[in-house]
PDB file of N, CA and C in Angstrom:
ATOM      1  N   MET A   1      39.075  -5.073  16.646  1.00  0.00           N
ATOM      2  CA  MET A   1      38.341  -4.154  15.797  1.00  0.00           C
ATOM      3  C   MET A   1      37.971  -4.893  14.509  1.00  0.00           C
ATOM      4  N   ALA A   2      36.685  -5.185  14.337  1.00  0.00           N
ATOM      5  CA  ALA A   2      36.213  -5.886  13.153  1.00  0.00           C
ATOM      6  C   ALA A   2      36.057  -4.898  12.006  1.00  0.00           C
ATOM      7  N   ASN A   3      36.472  -5.340  10.815  1.00  0.00           N
ATOM      8  CA  ASN A   3      36.311  -4.432   9.689  1.00  0.00           C
ATOM      9  C   ASN A   3      34.949  -4.615   9.052  1.00  0.00           C
ATOM     10  N   HIS A   4      34.596  -3.716   8.143  1.00  0.00           N
ATOM     11  CA  HIS A   4      33.269  -3.711   7.539  1.00  0.00           C
ATOM     12  C   HIS A   4      33.010  -4.960   6.705  1.00  0.00           C
ATOM     13  N   GLU A   5      34.040  -5.499   6.043  1.00  0.00           N
ATOM     14  CA  GLU A   5      33.851  -6.675   5.214  1.00  0.00           C
ATOM     15  C   GLU A   5      33.411  -7.873   6.059  1.00  0.00           C
ATOM     16  N   GLU A   6      33.983  -8.027   7.241  1.00  0.00           N
ATOM     17  CA  GLU A   6      33.580  -9.129   8.109  1.00  0.00           C
ATOM     18  C   GLU A   6      32.128  -8.975   8.520  1.00  0.00           C
ATOM     19  N   THR A   7      31.730  -7.790   8.872  1.00  0.00           N
ATOM     20  CA  THR A   7      30.352  -7.534   9.284  1.00  0.00           C
ATOM     21  C   THR A   7      29.402  -7.836   8.137  1.00  0.00           C
ATOM     22  N   ALA A   8      29.728  -7.403   6.945  1.00  0.00           N
ATOM     23  CA  ALA A   8      28.869  -7.639   5.798  1.00  0.00           C
ATOM     24  C   ALA A   8      28.729  -9.127   5.528  1.00  0.00           C
ATOM     25  N   THR A   9      29.817  -9.878   5.646  1.00  0.00           N
ATOM     26  CA  THR A   9      29.771 -11.312   5.416  1.00  0.00           C
ATOM     27  C   THR A   9      28.904 -11.996   6.458  1.00  0.00           C
ATOM     28  N   GLU A  10      29.057 -11.606   7.697  1.00  0.00           N
ATOM     29  CA  GLU A  10      28.229 -12.178   8.758  1.00  0.00           C
ATOM     30  C   GLU A  10      26.760 -11.885   8.503  1.00  0.00           C
ATOM     31  N   ASN A  11      26.450 -10.683   8.077  1.00  0.00           N
ATOM     32  CA  ASN A  11      25.067 -10.288   7.870  1.00  0.00           C
ATOM     33  C   ASN A  11      24.423 -11.001   6.691  1.00  0.00           C
ATOM     34  N   LYS A  12      25.202 -11.433   5.706  1.00  0.00           N
ATOM     35  CA  LYS A  12      24.623 -12.132   4.565  1.00  0.00           C
ATOM     36  C   LYS A  12      23.992 -13.451   5.002  1.00  0.00           C
ATOM     37  N   SER A  13      24.503 -14.040   6.051  1.00  0.00           N
ATOM     38  CA  SER A  13      23.917 -15.282   6.528  1.00  0.00           C
ATOM     39  C   SER A  13      22.687 -15.018   7.395  1.00  0.00           C
ATOM     40  N   ARG A  14      22.496 -13.779   7.797  1.00  0.00           N
ATOM     41  CA  ARG A  14      21.337 -13.398   8.607  1.00  0.00           C
ATOM     42  C   ARG A  14      20.691 -12.162   7.985  1.00  0.00           C
ATOM     43  N   PRO A  15      19.822 -12.355   6.958  1.00  0.00           N
ATOM     44  CA  PRO A  15      19.283 -11.208   6.248  1.00  0.00           C
ATOM     45  C   PRO A  15      18.479 -10.257   7.122  1.00  0.00           C
ATOM     46  N   GLU A  16      17.921 -10.731   8.236  1.00  0.00           N
ATOM     47  CA  GLU A  16      17.157  -9.835   9.101  1.00  0.00           C
ATOM     48  C   GLU A  16      18.049  -8.771   9.732  1.00  0.00           C
ATOM     49  N   ASN A  17      19.366  -8.977   9.685  1.00  0.00           N
ATOM     50  CA  ASN A  17      20.316  -8.012  10.222  1.00  0.00           C
ATOM     51  C   ASN A  17      21.078  -7.306   9.112  1.00  0.00           C
ATOM     52  N   ALA A  18      20.543  -7.306   7.907  1.00  0.00           N
ATOM     53  CA  ALA A  18      21.223  -6.672   6.785  1.00  0.00           C
ATOM     54  C   ALA A  18      21.461  -5.204   7.089  1.00  0.00           C
ATOM     55  N   VAL A  19      22.671  -4.754   6.810  1.00  0.00           N
ATOM     56  CA  VAL A  19      23.035  -3.360   7.050  1.00  0.00           C
ATOM     57  C   VAL A  19      22.792  -2.539   5.791  1.00  0.00           C
ATOM     58  N   HIS A  20      22.995  -3.162   4.626  1.00  0.00           N
ATOM     59  CA  HIS A  20      22.863  -2.460   3.359  1.00  0.00           C
ATOM     60  C   HIS A  20      21.930  -3.243   2.431  1.00  0.00           C
ATOM     61  N   PRO A  21      21.250  -2.555   1.518  1.00  0.00           N
ATOM     62  CA  PRO A  21      20.316  -3.244   0.611  1.00  0.00           C
ATOM     63  C   PRO A  21      20.952  -4.381  -0.186  1.00  0.00           C
ATOM     64  N   LYS A  22      22.239  -4.245  -0.551  1.00  0.00           N
ATOM     65  CA  LYS A  22      22.886  -5.307  -1.334  1.00  0.00           C
ATOM     66  C   LYS A  22      23.023  -6.596  -0.522  1.00  0.00           C
ATOM     67  N   GLU A  23      22.834  -6.521   0.788  1.00  0.00           N
ATOM     68  CA  GLU A  23      22.944  -7.701   1.647  1.00  0.00           C
ATOM     69  C   GLU A  23      21.596  -8.401   1.844  1.00  0.00           C
ATOM     70  N   LEU A  24      20.537  -7.815   1.309  1.00  0.00           N
ATOM     71  CA  LEU A  24      19.217  -8.433   1.418  1.00  0.00           C
ATOM     72  C   LEU A  24      19.141  -9.628   0.474  1.00  0.00           C
ATOM     73  N   PRO A  25      18.334 -10.617   0.816  1.00  0.00           N
ATOM     74  CA  PRO A  25      18.219 -11.775  -0.077  1.00  0.00           C
ATOM     75  C   PRO A  25      17.579 -11.379  -1.412  1.00  0.00           C
ATOM     76  N   ALA A  26      17.917 -12.118  -2.441  1.00  0.00           N
ATOM     77  CA  ALA A  26      17.330 -11.873  -3.756  1.00  0.00           C
ATOM     78  C   ALA A  26      15.833 -12.155  -3.696  1.00  0.00           C
ATOM     79  N   ARG A  27      15.104 -11.443  -4.499  1.00  0.00           N
ATOM     80  CA  ARG A  27      13.647 -11.634  -4.540  1.00  0.00           C
ATOM     81  C   ARG A  27      13.303 -12.944  -5.234  1.00  0.00           C
ATOM     82  N   GLN A  28      12.274 -13.588  -4.732  1.00  0.00           N
ATOM     83  CA  GLN A  28      11.776 -14.799  -5.356  1.00  0.00           C
ATOM     84  C   GLN A  28      10.828 -14.404  -6.489  1.00  0.00           C
ATOM     85  N   PRO A  29      10.929 -15.063  -7.631  1.00  0.00           N
ATOM     86  CA  PRO A  29      10.010 -14.723  -8.725  1.00  0.00           C
ATOM     87  C   PRO A  29       8.571 -15.050  -8.328  1.00  0.00           C
ATOM     88  N   PHE A  30       7.667 -14.247  -8.802  1.00  0.00           N
ATOM     89  CA  PHE A  30       6.253 -14.429  -8.482  1.00  0.00           C
ATOM     90  C   PHE A  30       5.562 -15.101  -9.649  1.00  0.00           C
ATOM     91  N   THR A  31       4.761 -16.095  -9.350  1.00  0.00           N
ATOM     92  CA  THR A  31       3.932 -16.734 -10.364  1.00  0.00           C
ATOM     93  C   THR A  31       2.488 -16.523  -9.957  1.00  0.00           C
ATOM     94  N   ALA A  32       1.734 -15.887 -10.825  1.00  0.00           N
ATOM     95  CA  ALA A  32       0.329 -15.596 -10.523  1.00  0.00           C
ATOM     96  C   ALA A  32      -0.442 -16.897 -10.383  1.00  0.00           C
ATOM     97  N   PRO A  33      -1.380 -16.909  -9.455  1.00  0.00           N
ATOM     98  CA  PRO A  33      -2.200 -18.113  -9.311  1.00  0.00           C
ATOM     99  C   PRO A  33      -3.081 -18.292 -10.546  1.00  0.00           C
ATOM    100  N   ASN A  34      -3.409 -19.517 -10.832  1.00  0.00           N
ATOM    101  CA  ASN A  34      -4.293 -19.794 -11.958  1.00  0.00           C
ATOM    102  C   ASN A  34      -5.720 -19.759 -11.439  1.00  0.00           C
ATOM    103  N   THR A  35      -6.378 -18.627 -11.654  1.00  0.00           N
ATOM    104  CA  THR A  35      -7.741 -18.449 -11.140  1.00  0.00           C
ATOM    105  C   THR A  35      -8.781 -18.918 -12.147  1.00  0.00           C
ATOM    106  N   GLY A  36      -8.315 -19.268 -13.347  1.00  0.00           N
ATOM    107  CA  GLY A  36      -9.264 -19.635 -14.393  1.00  0.00           C
ATOM    108  C   GLY A  36      -9.664 -18.434 -15.234  1.00  0.00           C
ATOM    109  N   ASN A  37      -9.231 -17.259 -14.807  1.00  0.00           N
ATOM    110  CA  ASN A  37      -9.501 -16.028 -15.547  1.00  0.00           C
ATOM    111  C   ASN A  37      -8.154 -15.506 -16.046  1.00  0.00           C
ATOM    112  N   ALA A  38      -7.842 -15.790 -17.303  1.00  0.00           N
ATOM    113  CA  ALA A  38      -6.523 -15.462 -17.851  1.00  0.00           C
ATOM    114  C   ALA A  38      -6.230 -13.969 -17.783  1.00  0.00           C
ATOM    115  N   THR A  39      -7.236 -13.150 -18.025  1.00  0.00           N
ATOM    116  CA  THR A  39      -7.033 -11.698 -17.986  1.00  0.00           C
ATOM    117  C   THR A  39      -6.678 -11.250 -16.574  1.00  0.00           C
ATOM    118  N   ARG A  40      -7.372 -11.774 -15.583  1.00  0.00           N
ATOM    119  CA  ARG A  40      -7.096 -11.429 -14.177  1.00  0.00           C
ATOM    120  C   ARG A  40      -5.706 -11.923 -13.779  1.00  0.00           C
ATOM    121  N   ASP A  41      -5.375 -13.147 -14.163  1.00  0.00           N
ATOM    122  CA  ASP A  41      -4.066 -13.710 -13.840  1.00  0.00           C
ATOM    123  C   ASP A  41      -2.942 -12.863 -14.439  1.00  0.00           C
ATOM    124  N   GLN A  42      -3.140 -12.421 -15.684  1.00  0.00           N
ATOM    125  CA  GLN A  42      -2.129 -11.600 -16.349  1.00  0.00           C
ATOM    126  C   GLN A  42      -2.000 -10.252 -15.641  1.00  0.00           C
ATOM    127  N   LYS A  43      -3.108  -9.683 -15.214  1.00  0.00           N
ATOM    128  CA  LYS A  43      -3.081  -8.397 -14.501  1.00  0.00           C
ATOM    129  C   LYS A  43      -2.346  -8.543 -13.171  1.00  0.00           C
ATOM    130  N   ILE A  44      -2.610  -9.629 -12.456  1.00  0.00           N
ATOM    131  CA  ILE A  44      -1.947  -9.883 -11.172  1.00  0.00           C
ATOM    132  C   ILE A  44      -0.442 -10.018 -11.381  1.00  0.00           C
ATOM    133  N   GLN A  45      -0.054 -10.787 -12.406  1.00  0.00           N
ATOM    134  CA  GLN A  45       1.366 -10.980 -12.705  1.00  0.00           C
ATOM    135  C   GLN A  45       2.023  -9.641 -13.039  1.00  0.00           C
ATOM    136  N   GLN A  46       1.352  -8.825 -13.815  1.00  0.00           N
ATOM    137  CA  GLN A  46       1.882  -7.518 -14.204  1.00  0.00           C
ATOM    138  C   GLN A  46       2.043  -6.606 -12.987  1.00  0.00           C
ATOM    139  N   GLN A  47       1.074  -6.613 -12.086  1.00  0.00           N
ATOM    140  CA  GLN A  47       1.161  -5.786 -10.877  1.00  0.00           C
ATOM    141  C   GLN A  47       2.362  -6.193 -10.028  1.00  0.00           C
ATOM    142  N   HIS A  48       2.562  -7.495  -9.878  1.00  0.00           N
ATOM    143  CA  HIS A  48       3.699  -7.983  -9.092  1.00  0.00           C
ATOM    144  C   HIS A  48       5.022  -7.635  -9.766  1.00  0.00           C
ATOM    145  N   THR A  49       5.084  -7.778 -11.066  1.00  0.00           N
ATOM    146  CA  THR A  49       6.303  -7.453 -11.807  1.00  0.00           C
ATOM    147  C   THR A  49       6.639  -5.969 -11.645  1.00  0.00           C
ATOM    148  N   GLN A  50       5.632  -5.109 -11.749  1.00  0.00           N
ATOM    149  CA  GLN A  50       5.844  -3.671 -11.592  1.00  0.00           C
ATOM    150  C   GLN A  50       6.290  -3.333 -10.174  1.00  0.00           C
ATOM    151  N   LEU A  51       5.673  -3.975  -9.186  1.00  0.00           N
ATOM    152  CA  LEU A  51       6.045  -3.720  -7.796  1.00  0.00           C
ATOM    153  C   LEU A  51       7.493  -4.132  -7.542  1.00  0.00           C
ATOM    154  N   ILE A  52       7.880  -5.291  -8.024  1.00  0.00           N
ATOM    155  CA  ILE A  52       9.253  -5.766  -7.829  1.00  0.00           C
ATOM    156  C   ILE A  52      10.247  -4.828  -8.504  1.00  0.00           C
ATOM    157  N   ALA A  53       9.925  -4.359  -9.700  1.00  0.00           N
ATOM    158  CA  ALA A  53      10.815  -3.424 -10.402  1.00  0.00           C
ATOM    159  C   ALA A  53      10.959  -2.128  -9.606  1.00  0.00           C
ATOM    160  N   LYS A  54       9.860  -1.633  -9.075  1.00  0.00           N
ATOM    161  CA  LYS A  54       9.893  -0.400  -8.280  1.00  0.00           C
ATOM    162  C   LYS A  54      10.714  -0.613  -7.008  1.00  0.00           C
ATOM    163  N   GLN A  55      10.510  -1.736  -6.350  1.00  0.00           N
ATOM    164  CA  GLN A  55      11.242  -2.026  -5.117  1.00  0.00           C
ATOM    165  C   GLN A  55      12.735  -2.225  -5.393  1.00  0.00           C
ATOM    166  N   ASP A  56      13.070  -2.874  -6.491  1.00  0.00           N
ATOM    167  CA  ASP A  56      14.482  -3.042  -6.844  1.00  0.00           C
ATOM    168  C   ASP A  56      15.132  -1.682  -7.083  1.00  0.00           C
ATOM    169  N   GLN A  57      14.410  -0.790  -7.728  1.00  0.00           N
ATOM    170  CA  GLN A  57      14.927   0.555  -7.968  1.00  0.00           C
ATOM    171  C   GLN A  57      15.146   1.288  -6.635  1.00  0.00           C
ATOM    172  N   GLU A  58      14.221   1.145  -5.702  1.00  0.00           N
ATOM    173  CA  GLU A  58      14.372   1.776  -4.387  1.00  0.00           C
ATOM    174  C   GLU A  58      15.568   1.189  -3.639  1.00  0.00           C
ATOM    175  N   ARG A  59      15.776  -0.106  -3.763  1.00  0.00           N
ATOM    176  CA  ARG A  59      16.943  -0.740  -3.139  1.00  0.00           C
ATOM    177  C   ARG A  59      18.232  -0.152  -3.708  1.00  0.00           C
ATOM    178  N   GLN A  60      18.276  -0.026  -5.038  1.00  0.00           N
ATOM    179  CA  GLN A  60      19.472   0.501  -5.695  1.00  0.00           C
ATOM    180  C   GLN A  60      19.728   1.953  -5.290  1.00  0.00           C
ATOM    181  N   GLN A  61      18.670   2.733  -5.191  1.00  0.00           N
ATOM    182  CA  GLN A  61      18.822   4.140  -4.807  1.00  0.00           C
ATOM    183  C   GLN A  61      19.364   4.255  -3.389  1.00  0.00           C
ATOM    184  N   LEU A  62      18.825   3.445  -2.480  1.00  0.00           N
ATOM    185  CA  LEU A  62      19.309   3.493  -1.100  1.00  0.00           C
ATOM    186  C   LEU A  62      20.757   3.022  -1.035  1.00  0.00           C
ATOM    187  N   GLN A  63      21.095   1.989  -1.793  1.00  0.00           N
ATOM    188  CA  GLN A  63      22.477   1.499  -1.803  1.00  0.00           C
ATOM    189  C   GLN A  63      23.425   2.580  -2.312  1.00  0.00           C
ATOM    190  N   GLN A  64      23.037   3.287  -3.357  1.00  0.00           N
ATOM    191  CA  GLN A  64      23.874   4.363  -3.891  1.00  0.00           C
ATOM    192  C   GLN A  64      24.057   5.471  -2.854  1.00  0.00           C
ATOM    193  N   LYS A  65      22.981   5.817  -2.178  1.00  0.00           N
ATOM    194  CA  LYS A  65      23.045   6.858  -1.140  1.00  0.00           C
ATOM    195  C   LYS A  65      24.004   6.437  -0.023  1.00  0.00           C
ATOM    196  N   GLN A  66      23.892   5.183   0.404  1.00  0.00           N
ATOM    197  CA  GLN A  66      24.754   4.698   1.472  1.00  0.00           C
ATOM    198  C   GLN A  66      26.212   4.598   1.005  1.00  0.00           C
ATOM    199  N   ASP A  67      26.424   4.212  -0.236  1.00  0.00           N
ATOM    200  CA  ASP A  67      27.795   4.176  -0.775  1.00  0.00           C
ATOM    201  C   ASP A  67      28.408   5.579  -0.775  1.00  0.00           C
ATOM    202  N   GLN A  68      27.617   6.572  -1.140  1.00  0.00           N
ATOM    203  CA  GLN A  68      28.100   7.957  -1.130  1.00  0.00           C
ATOM    204  C   GLN A  68      28.450   8.395   0.290  1.00  0.00           C
ATOM    205  N   GLU A  69      27.635   7.988   1.243  1.00  0.00           N
ATOM    206  CA  GLU A  69      27.919   8.330   2.640  1.00  0.00           C
ATOM    207  C   GLU A  69      29.211   7.670   3.105  1.00  0.00           C
ATOM    208  N   HIS A  70      29.460   6.435   2.664  1.00  0.00           N
ATOM    209  CA  HIS A  70      30.715   5.757   3.006  1.00  0.00           C
ATOM    210  C   HIS A  70      31.904   6.514   2.422  1.00  0.00           C
ATOM    211  N   GLN A  71      31.768   6.952   1.181  1.00  0.00           N
ATOM    212  CA  GLN A  71      32.863   7.689   0.538  1.00  0.00           C
ATOM    213  C   GLN A  71      33.114   9.012   1.257  1.00  0.00           C
ATOM    214  N   ARG A  72      32.047   9.690   1.600  1.00  0.00           N
ATOM    215  CA  ARG A  72      32.176  10.960   2.316  1.00  0.00           C
ATOM    216  C   ARG A  72      32.858  10.734   3.664  1.00  0.00           C
ATOM    217  N   GLN A  73      32.445   9.684   4.336  1.00  0.00           N
ATOM    218  CA  GLN A  73      33.011   9.373   5.646  1.00  0.00           C
ATOM    219  C   GLN A  73      34.501   9.043   5.524  1.00  0.00           C
ATOM    220  N   ALA A  74      34.878   8.307   4.499  1.00  0.00           N
ATOM    221  CA  ALA A  74      36.284   7.945   4.303  1.00  0.00           C
ATOM    222  C   ALA A  74      37.137   9.183   4.045  1.00  0.00           C
ATOM    223  N   SER A  75      36.585  10.129   3.306  1.00  0.00           N
ATOM    224  CA  SER A  75      37.357  11.344   3.009  1.00  0.00           C
ATOM    225  C   SER A  75      37.491  12.244   4.236  1.00  0.00           C
ATOM    226  N   GLN A  76      36.567  12.070   5.201  1.00  0.00           N
ATOM    227  CA  GLN A  76      36.619  12.883   6.427  1.00  0.00           C
ATOM    228  C   GLN A  76      37.412  12.202   7.531  1.00  0.00           C
ATOM    229  N   LYS A  77      37.887  10.992   7.270  1.00  0.00           N
ATOM    230  CA  LYS A  77      38.659  10.235   8.269  1.00  0.00           C
ATOM    231  C   LYS A  77      37.908  10.157   9.603  1.00  0.00           C
ATOM    232  N   THR A  78      36.687   9.671   9.528  1.00  0.00           N
ATOM    233  CA  THR A  78      35.819   9.550  10.695  1.00  0.00           C
ATOM    234  C   THR A  78      36.366   8.517  11.681  1.00  0.00           C
ATOM    235  N   ASN A  79      36.177   8.774  12.975  1.00  0.00           N
ATOM    236  CA  ASN A  79      36.634   7.827  13.996  1.00  0.00           C
ATOM    237  C   ASN A  79      35.710   6.603  14.037  1.00  0.00           C
ATOM    238  N   GLU A  80      36.101   5.612  14.824  1.00  0.00           N
ATOM    239  CA  GLU A  80      35.362   4.343  14.887  1.00  0.00           C
ATOM    240  C   GLU A  80      33.922   4.533  15.364  1.00  0.00           C
ATOM    241  N   ALA A  81      33.720   5.403  16.337  1.00  0.00           N
ATOM    242  CA  ALA A  81      32.364   5.649  16.844  1.00  0.00           C
ATOM    243  C   ALA A  81      31.475   6.234  15.744  1.00  0.00           C
ATOM    244  N   GLY A  82      32.036   7.126  14.953  1.00  0.00           N
ATOM    245  CA  GLY A  82      31.285   7.709  13.841  1.00  0.00           C
ATOM    246  C   GLY A  82      30.945   6.676  12.782  1.00  0.00           C
ATOM    247  N   LYS A  83      31.875   5.754  12.548  1.00  0.00           N
ATOM    248  CA  LYS A  83      31.634   4.685  11.575  1.00  0.00           C
ATOM    249  C   LYS A  83      30.511   3.766  12.055  1.00  0.00           C
ATOM    250  N   GLN A  84      30.559   3.428  13.337  1.00  0.00           N
ATOM    251  CA  GLN A  84      29.521   2.560  13.898  1.00  0.00           C
ATOM    252  C   GLN A  84      28.158   3.246  13.841  1.00  0.00           C
ATOM    253  N   GLN A  85      28.136   4.520  14.113  1.00  0.00           N
ATOM    254  CA  GLN A  85      26.873   5.265  14.070  1.00  0.00           C
ATOM    255  C   GLN A  85      26.298   5.257  12.650  1.00  0.00           C
ATOM    256  N   LEU A  86      27.151   5.464  11.666  1.00  0.00           N
ATOM    257  CA  LEU A  86      26.698   5.455  10.275  1.00  0.00           C
ATOM    258  C   LEU A  86      26.158   4.073   9.903  1.00  0.00           C
ATOM    259  N   GLU A  87      26.846   3.017  10.333  1.00  0.00           N
ATOM    260  CA  GLU A  87      26.379   1.666  10.021  1.00  0.00           C
ATOM    261  C   GLU A  87      25.035   1.379  10.691  1.00  0.00           C
ATOM    262  N   GLN A  88      24.835   1.888  11.898  1.00  0.00           N
ATOM    263  CA  GLN A  88      23.537   1.723  12.555  1.00  0.00           C
ATOM    264  C   GLN A  88      22.442   2.439  11.766  1.00  0.00           C
ATOM    265  N   GLN A  89      22.748   3.630  11.281  1.00  0.00           N
ATOM    266  CA  GLN A  89      21.786   4.365  10.464  1.00  0.00           C
ATOM    267  C   GLN A  89      21.466   3.585   9.195  1.00  0.00           C
ATOM    268  N   HIS A  90      22.474   3.023   8.574  1.00  0.00           N
ATOM    269  CA  HIS A  90      22.268   2.246   7.354  1.00  0.00           C
ATOM    270  C   HIS A  90      21.410   1.024   7.631  1.00  0.00           C
ATOM    271  N   GLN A  91      21.663   0.366   8.745  1.00  0.00           N
ATOM    272  CA  GLN A  91      20.867  -0.811   9.089  1.00  0.00           C
ATOM    273  C   GLN A  91      19.409  -0.420   9.307  1.00  0.00           C
ATOM    274  N   GLN A  92      19.178   0.677   9.990  1.00  0.00           N
ATOM    275  CA  GLN A  92      17.808   1.139  10.221  1.00  0.00           C
ATOM    276  C   GLN A  92      17.123   1.506   8.907  1.00  0.00           C
ATOM    277  N   GLN A  93      17.844   2.189   8.027  1.00  0.00           N
ATOM    278  CA  GLN A  93      17.281   2.562   6.728  1.00  0.00           C
ATOM    279  C   GLN A  93      16.920   1.322   5.920  1.00  0.00           C
ATOM    280  N   THR A  94      17.814   0.347   5.930  1.00  0.00           N
ATOM    281  CA  THR A  94      17.597  -0.875   5.163  1.00  0.00           C
ATOM    282  C   THR A  94      16.424  -1.666   5.722  1.00  0.00           C
ATOM    283  N   GLN A  95      16.336  -1.776   7.050  1.00  0.00           N
ATOM    284  CA  GLN A  95      15.219  -2.499   7.659  1.00  0.00           C
ATOM    285  C   GLN A  95      13.893  -1.800   7.379  1.00  0.00           C
ATOM    286  N   LYS A  96      13.898  -0.481   7.441  1.00  0.00           N
ATOM    287  CA  LYS A  96      12.678   0.281   7.165  1.00  0.00           C
ATOM    288  C   LYS A  96      12.225   0.058   5.729  1.00  0.00           C
ATOM    289  N   LEU A  97      13.179   0.068   4.807  1.00  0.00           N
ATOM    290  CA  LEU A  97      12.850  -0.173   3.401  1.00  0.00           C
ATOM    291  C   LEU A  97      12.294  -1.585   3.213  1.00  0.00           C
ATOM    292  N   GLU A  98      12.924  -2.551   3.829  1.00  0.00           N
ATOM    293  CA  GLU A  98      12.468  -3.944   3.693  1.00  0.00           C
ATOM    294  C   GLU A  98      11.076  -4.124   4.299  1.00  0.00           C
ATOM    295  N   GLN A  99      10.808  -3.474   5.427  1.00  0.00           N
ATOM    296  CA  GLN A  99       9.471  -3.546   6.030  1.00  0.00           C
ATOM    297  C   GLN A  99       8.430  -2.926   5.100  1.00  0.00           C
ATOM    298  N   LYS A 100       8.768  -1.805   4.512  1.00  0.00           N
ATOM    299  CA  LYS A 100       7.868  -1.134   3.562  1.00  0.00           C
ATOM    300  C   LYS A 100       7.567  -2.064   2.393  1.00  0.00           C
ATOM    301  N   HIS A 101       8.609  -2.710   1.865  1.00  0.00           N
ATOM    302  CA  HIS A 101       8.429  -3.607   0.729  1.00  0.00           C
ATOM    303  C   HIS A 101       7.592  -4.824   1.113  1.00  0.00           C
ATOM    304  N   THR A 102       7.806  -5.351   2.289  1.00  0.00           N
ATOM    305  CA  THR A 102       7.020  -6.495   2.753  1.00  0.00           C
ATOM    306  C   THR A 102       5.548  -6.112   2.864  1.00  0.00           C
ATOM    307  N   GLN A 103       5.275  -4.932   3.420  1.00  0.00           N
ATOM    308  CA  GLN A 103       3.892  -4.466   3.545  1.00  0.00           C
ATOM    309  C   GLN A 103       3.247  -4.273   2.177  1.00  0.00           C
ATOM    310  N   GLN A 104       4.007  -3.731   1.230  1.00  0.00           N
ATOM    311  CA  GLN A 104       3.475  -3.540  -0.121  1.00  0.00           C
ATOM    312  C   GLN A 104       3.134  -4.882  -0.766  1.00  0.00           C
ATOM    313  N   GLN A 105       4.012  -5.854  -0.576  1.00  0.00           N
ATOM    314  CA  GLN A 105       3.771  -7.171  -1.164  1.00  0.00           C
ATOM    315  C   GLN A 105       2.558  -7.841  -0.517  1.00  0.00           C
ATOM    316  N   GLU A 106       2.448  -7.726   0.801  1.00  0.00           N
ATOM    317  CA  GLU A 106       1.308  -8.320   1.501  1.00  0.00           C
ATOM    318  C   GLU A 106       0.007  -7.671   1.067  1.00  0.00           C
ATOM    319  N   LYS A 107       0.035  -6.364   0.890  1.00  0.00           N
ATOM    320  CA  LYS A 107      -1.155  -5.647   0.448  1.00  0.00           C
ATOM    321  C   LYS A 107      -1.562  -6.115  -0.948  1.00  0.00           C
ATOM    322  N   LEU A 108      -0.583  -6.247  -1.836  1.00  0.00           N
ATOM    323  CA  LEU A 108      -0.876  -6.703  -3.189  1.00  0.00           C
ATOM    324  C   LEU A 108      -1.355  -8.152  -3.186  1.00  0.00           C
ATOM    325  N   GLN A 109      -0.757  -8.982  -2.356  1.00  0.00           N
ATOM    326  CA  GLN A 109      -1.197 -10.379  -2.280  1.00  0.00           C
ATOM    327  C   GLN A 109      -2.620 -10.467  -1.746  1.00  0.00           C
ATOM    328  N   GLY A 110      -2.974  -9.575  -0.829  1.00  0.00           N
ATOM    329  CA  GLY A 110      -4.345  -9.546  -0.318  1.00  0.00           C
ATOM    330  C   GLY A 110      -5.339  -9.215  -1.415  1.00  0.00           C
ATOM    331  N   LYS A 111      -4.916  -8.356  -2.340  1.00  0.00           N
ATOM    332  CA  LYS A 111      -5.787  -7.990  -3.454  1.00  0.00           C
ATOM    333  C   LYS A 111      -5.911  -9.115  -4.464  1.00  0.00           C
ATOM    334  N   THR A 112      -4.925  -9.995  -4.518  1.00  0.00           N
ATOM    335  CA  THR A 112      -4.929 -11.048  -5.529  1.00  0.00           C
ATOM    336  C   THR A 112      -5.668 -12.296  -5.060  1.00  0.00           C
ATOM    337  N   GLN A 113      -6.024 -12.341  -3.793  1.00  0.00           N
ATOM    338  CA  GLN A 113      -6.770 -13.494  -3.297  1.00  0.00           C
ATOM    339  C   GLN A 113      -8.201 -13.417  -3.812  1.00  0.00           C
ATOM    340  N   PRO A 114      -8.805 -14.549  -4.122  1.00  0.00           N
ATOM    341  CA  PRO A 114     -10.200 -14.523  -4.572  1.00  0.00           C
ATOM    342  C   PRO A 114     -11.062 -13.907  -3.478  1.00  0.00           C
ATOM    343  N   ALA A 115     -11.947 -13.032  -3.873  1.00  0.00           N
ATOM    344  CA  ALA A 115     -12.808 -12.356  -2.907  1.00  0.00           C
ATOM    345  C   ALA A 115     -13.817 -13.345  -2.335  1.00  0.00           C
ATOM    346  N   ALA A 116     -14.030 -13.253  -1.043  1.00  0.00           N
ATOM    347  CA  ALA A 116     -15.024 -14.101  -0.396  1.00  0.00           C
ATOM    348  C   ALA A 116     -16.413 -13.587  -0.787  1.00  0.00           C
ATOM    349  N   PRO A 117     -17.377 -14.476  -0.901  1.00  0.00           N
ATOM    350  CA  PRO A 117     -18.731 -14.017  -1.223  1.00  0.00           C
ATOM    351  C   PRO A 117     -19.210 -13.007  -0.175  1.00  0.00           C
ATOM    352  N   LYS A 118     -19.813 -11.924  -0.646  1.00  0.00           N
ATOM    353  CA  LYS A 118     -20.226 -10.858   0.272  1.00  0.00           C
ATOM    354  C   LYS A 118     -21.321 -11.333   1.227  1.00  0.00           C
ATOM    355  N   HIS A 119     -22.144 -12.254   0.801  1.00  0.00           N
ATOM    356  CA  HIS A 119     -23.246 -12.703   1.635  1.00  0.00           C
ATOM    357  C   HIS A 119     -22.800 -13.740   2.667  1.00  0.00           C
ATOM    358  N   ALA A 120     -21.586 -14.247   2.594  1.00  0.00           N
ATOM    359  CA  ALA A 120     -21.107 -15.277   3.513  1.00  0.00           C
ATOM    360  C   ALA A 120     -21.128 -14.803   4.951  1.00  0.00           C
ATOM    361  N   ALA A 121     -20.841 -13.541   5.192  1.00  0.00           N
ATOM    362  CA  ALA A 121     -20.822 -13.020   6.558  1.00  0.00           C
ATOM    363  C   ALA A 121     -22.223 -12.916   7.131  1.00  0.00           C
ATOM    364  N   THR A 122     -23.212 -12.747   6.296  1.00  0.00           N
ATOM    365  CA  THR A 122     -24.572 -12.590   6.805  1.00  0.00           C
ATOM    366  C   THR A 122     -25.282 -13.919   6.995  1.00  0.00           C
ATOM    367  N   LEU A 123     -24.745 -14.988   6.420  1.00  0.00           N
ATOM    368  CA  LEU A 123     -25.351 -16.305   6.603  1.00  0.00           C
ATOM    369  C   LEU A 123     -24.920 -16.917   7.922  1.00  0.00           C
ATOM    370  N   LYS A 124     -25.890 -17.423   8.664  1.00  0.00           N
ATOM    371  CA  LYS A 124     -25.562 -18.071   9.930  1.00  0.00           C
ATOM    372  C   LYS A 124     -26.446 -19.272  10.140  1.00  0.00           C
TER     373      LYS A 124
END
């Protein structure tokens, strides 16, 4: 019977299997590309900073919710099957959150790429 600490340690080496938000890898700092337009670069940097702050807050909220569920479960003396079920739910919640965050970042990065000339598609 493996305890939760062992599982958490194993998962830290494999972030794709993170069960809880605290086991996700730390975010990499974003540096806006130098487009030659300082105002645009500053806006891009600000958007990324705001997104990361929002995502960090969502991670913390989910972690708090899961911690409360662990405490509730401990007070109810849940059996092993119930514990495993809760951990599966936590893993699914964490993966869903991480997928949402990845999509948000990709969407924002798509907006920060220099726009292709509109007439390029019509030239042949």
